[in-house]
Protein backbone atom coordinates (compact mmCIF):
# COMPACT_ATOMS: atom_id res chain seq x y z
CA UNK A 1 10.55 4.29 45.95
CA UNK A 2 8.56 6.20 43.22
CA UNK A 3 4.95 5.48 42.16
CA UNK A 4 5.00 3.47 39.11
CA UNK A 5 1.64 4.67 37.85
CA UNK A 6 2.77 8.61 37.26
CA UNK A 7 5.75 7.44 35.56
CA UNK A 8 6.32 7.13 31.88
CA UNK A 9 6.20 3.82 30.22
CA UNK A 10 10.46 3.24 30.00
CA UNK A 11 10.68 4.82 33.52
CA UNK A 12 8.20 1.90 34.64
CA UNK A 13 10.61 -0.04 33.13
CA UNK A 14 13.21 0.66 34.85
CA UNK A 15 11.49 0.59 38.30
CA UNK A 16 10.43 -2.79 37.33
CA UNK A 17 14.11 -4.12 36.42
CA UNK A 18 15.08 -2.48 39.82
CA UNK A 19 12.71 -4.24 41.64
CA UNK A 20 13.69 -7.36 40.26
CA UNK A 21 17.20 -6.86 40.95
CA UNK A 22 16.46 -6.24 44.66
CA UNK A 23 14.36 -8.83 44.86
CA UNK A 24 16.84 -11.39 44.00
CA UNK A 25 19.22 -10.38 46.66
CA UNK A 26 21.61 -8.25 43.85
CA UNK A 27 20.77 -5.12 44.80
CA UNK A 28 19.87 -4.43 48.45
CA UNK A 29 17.86 -1.24 47.87
CA UNK A 30 17.63 1.06 45.52
CA UNK A 31 16.90 4.78 44.69
CA UNK A 32 15.48 6.54 41.95
CA UNK A 33 16.93 10.17 40.72
CA UNK A 34 13.58 12.24 39.85
CA UNK A 35 15.66 13.58 37.30
CA UNK A 36 16.04 10.28 35.74
CA UNK A 37 12.84 9.51 35.52
CA UNK A 38 11.46 13.21 33.77
CA UNK A 39 14.26 11.88 31.32
CA UNK A 40 12.24 9.16 29.91
CA UNK A 41 9.26 11.27 28.75
CA UNK A 42 10.97 13.32 26.03
CA UNK A 43 7.15 14.38 24.21
CA UNK A 44 7.24 18.61 24.11
CA UNK A 45 3.73 19.06 25.04
CA UNK A 46 3.48 22.47 22.96
CA UNK A 47 4.09 20.10 19.89
CA UNK A 48 1.37 18.29 18.09
CA UNK A 49 0.96 14.55 17.61
CA UNK A 50 2.03 12.76 14.68
CA UNK A 51 -1.26 12.59 12.13
CA UNK A 52 -2.75 9.38 11.85
CA UNK A 53 -5.20 7.33 9.77
CA UNK A 54 -8.22 8.88 10.75
CA UNK A 55 -7.21 12.31 9.36
CA UNK A 56 -6.30 11.35 6.50
CA UNK A 57 -9.29 11.51 3.19
CA UNK A 58 -9.02 8.93 1.10
CA UNK A 59 -8.25 9.28 -2.45
CA UNK A 60 -7.42 8.11 -5.49
CA UNK A 61 -3.52 8.16 -5.34
CA UNK A 62 -4.21 6.45 -2.02
CA UNK A 63 -5.91 3.16 -3.90
CA UNK A 64 -3.67 3.44 -6.92
CA UNK A 65 -0.66 3.08 -4.95
CA UNK A 66 -2.00 0.16 -2.51
CA UNK A 67 -3.63 -1.01 -5.82
CA UNK A 68 0.15 -1.06 -7.75
CA UNK A 69 1.14 -3.55 -4.58
CA UNK A 70 -1.82 -6.25 -4.90
CA UNK A 71 -1.93 -6.23 -8.70
CA UNK A 72 1.79 -6.89 -8.53
CA UNK A 73 2.12 -9.82 -5.69
CA UNK A 74 -1.39 -11.32 -7.22
CA UNK A 75 0.42 -11.61 -10.89
CA UNK A 76 3.90 -12.90 -9.38
CA UNK A 77 1.27 -14.97 -7.00
CA UNK A 78 -1.05 -16.56 -9.37
CA UNK A 79 0.84 -16.48 -12.17
CA UNK A 80 3.69 -18.32 -11.14
CA UNK A 81 1.71 -20.97 -9.83
CA UNK A 82 -0.23 -21.16 -13.08
CA UNK A 83 2.87 -21.53 -14.96
CA UNK A 84 4.49 -23.98 -12.55
CA UNK A 85 0.97 -26.13 -12.85
CA UNK A 86 1.61 -25.47 -16.52
CA UNK A 87 4.97 -26.92 -16.86
CA UNK A 88 4.31 -29.73 -14.90
CA UNK A 89 1.51 -30.52 -16.77
CA UNK A 90 3.39 -30.52 -19.75
CA UNK A 91 5.96 -32.63 -18.08
CA UNK A 92 3.31 -35.09 -16.40
CA UNK A 93 1.95 -36.33 -20.43
CA UNK A 94 -1.09 -35.65 -22.26
CA UNK A 95 -3.35 -36.50 -19.41
CA UNK A 96 -1.92 -34.09 -17.00
CA UNK A 97 -2.14 -31.60 -19.64
CA UNK A 98 -5.53 -32.46 -20.77
CA UNK A 99 -6.55 -32.21 -16.95
CA UNK A 100 -4.80 -28.56 -17.12
CA UNK A 101 -6.95 -27.30 -19.58
CA UNK A 102 -10.37 -28.58 -18.85
CA UNK A 103 -10.12 -26.49 -16.32
CA UNK A 104 -9.84 -23.64 -17.97
CA UNK A 105 -11.80 -24.61 -20.84
CA UNK A 106 -14.81 -26.29 -22.46
CA UNK A 107 -14.54 -29.38 -24.59
CA UNK A 108 -14.81 -27.32 -27.86
CA UNK A 109 -11.40 -25.59 -26.92
CA UNK A 110 -13.21 -22.10 -25.83
CA UNK A 111 -12.79 -20.51 -22.33
CA UNK A 112 -14.96 -21.57 -19.46
CA UNK A 113 -16.30 -19.25 -16.54
CA UNK A 114 -13.06 -19.66 -14.67
CA UNK A 115 -10.68 -19.17 -17.99
CA UNK A 116 -12.39 -15.92 -18.46
CA UNK A 117 -12.62 -15.10 -14.80
CA UNK A 118 -8.44 -15.81 -14.48
CA UNK A 119 -7.96 -14.35 -18.08
CA UNK A 120 -9.92 -11.10 -17.13
CA UNK A 121 -8.61 -10.95 -13.78
CA UNK A 122 -5.03 -11.25 -14.46
CA UNK A 123 -4.99 -9.05 -18.04
CA UNK A 124 -6.48 -6.24 -15.89
CA UNK A 125 -4.03 -6.60 -12.93
CA UNK A 126 -1.72 -6.34 -15.74
CA UNK A 127 -2.96 -3.44 -17.04
CA UNK A 128 -3.62 -1.42 -13.74
CA UNK A 129 -0.14 -2.37 -12.70
CA UNK A 130 1.07 -1.32 -16.12
CA UNK A 131 -0.47 1.92 -16.03
CA UNK A 132 0.25 2.92 -12.87
CA UNK A 133 4.34 1.83 -13.36
CA UNK A 134 3.94 4.38 -15.74
CA UNK A 135 2.08 6.83 -13.66
CA UNK A 136 4.82 6.12 -10.74
CA UNK A 137 7.75 7.32 -13.79
CA UNK A 138 6.47 10.38 -14.34
CA UNK A 139 6.17 11.10 -10.39
CA UNK A 140 10.18 10.08 -9.88
CA UNK A 141 11.17 12.68 -12.26
CA UNK A 142 9.58 14.81 -10.77
CA UNK A 143 5.85 15.52 -12.25
CA UNK A 144 2.62 15.83 -11.34
CA UNK A 145 2.71 16.65 -7.81
CA UNK A 146 -0.11 18.89 -7.73
CA UNK A 147 -3.01 17.66 -5.99
CA UNK A 148 -4.93 18.31 -8.81
CA UNK A 149 -2.78 16.32 -11.70
CA UNK A 150 -2.07 14.03 -9.43
CA UNK A 151 -5.54 12.75 -8.65
CA UNK A 152 -6.66 12.77 -12.28
CA UNK A 153 -3.67 10.95 -13.08
CA UNK A 154 -4.42 8.34 -10.52
CA UNK A 155 -7.82 8.21 -12.27
CA UNK A 156 -6.82 8.27 -15.23
CA UNK A 157 -4.54 4.74 -14.65
CA UNK A 158 -7.95 3.20 -13.83
CA UNK A 159 -9.77 4.56 -16.90
CA UNK A 160 -6.65 3.39 -19.06
CA UNK A 161 -6.30 -0.18 -17.47
CA UNK A 162 -10.40 -0.95 -18.04
CA UNK A 163 -10.39 0.22 -21.44
CA UNK A 164 -7.11 -1.77 -22.38
CA UNK A 165 -8.10 -4.80 -20.75
CA UNK A 166 -11.50 -4.27 -22.96
CA UNK A 167 -9.97 -3.91 -25.88
CA UNK A 168 -7.22 -7.10 -25.50
CA UNK A 169 -10.36 -9.23 -25.47
CA UNK A 170 -12.33 -7.72 -27.91
CA UNK A 171 -9.45 -8.32 -30.27
CA UNK A 172 -8.46 -11.67 -28.64
CA UNK A 173 -11.85 -12.74 -28.96
CA UNK A 174 -12.72 -11.29 -32.49
CA UNK A 175 -9.40 -13.43 -33.36
CA UNK A 176 -10.58 -16.92 -32.08
CA UNK A 177 -14.12 -16.07 -33.02
CA UNK A 178 -12.74 -15.75 -36.68
């Protein structure tokens, strides 16, 4: 029988199966044809291996793509959790609702540090997700695949989301403080 260390992994598995079958008494002797073993290793050594993560250079387009998924999942998870908590607090009455409000606000009704962190984080996530979604609409239309333009639009999503979040909170705080 062939030496299993010189075979491709799939041929080793076939050889193992033949040995198991012969040890269980089903097959007394099995012969492996050399042609069958060479079919298991189908890699053409003249062709390069598939690229792997190590050869890619990190770019803003990659960060925007990953951040788009993270902000979408984060908003869905955190937003749903907060919404359900708010609904349950409303359903359980004034004491439960007061507890919900106390987590995010001070006694005078203004946001505490946790309220600001959650509020600014959710709005930044929203604006980043929205900006990268708009960018994706242009990519779906076949525009902006040139390297320079693609990088510029990816960086623009970061700038737009930060600027939109800042404007949103400035307007919100000005209205709240009269």
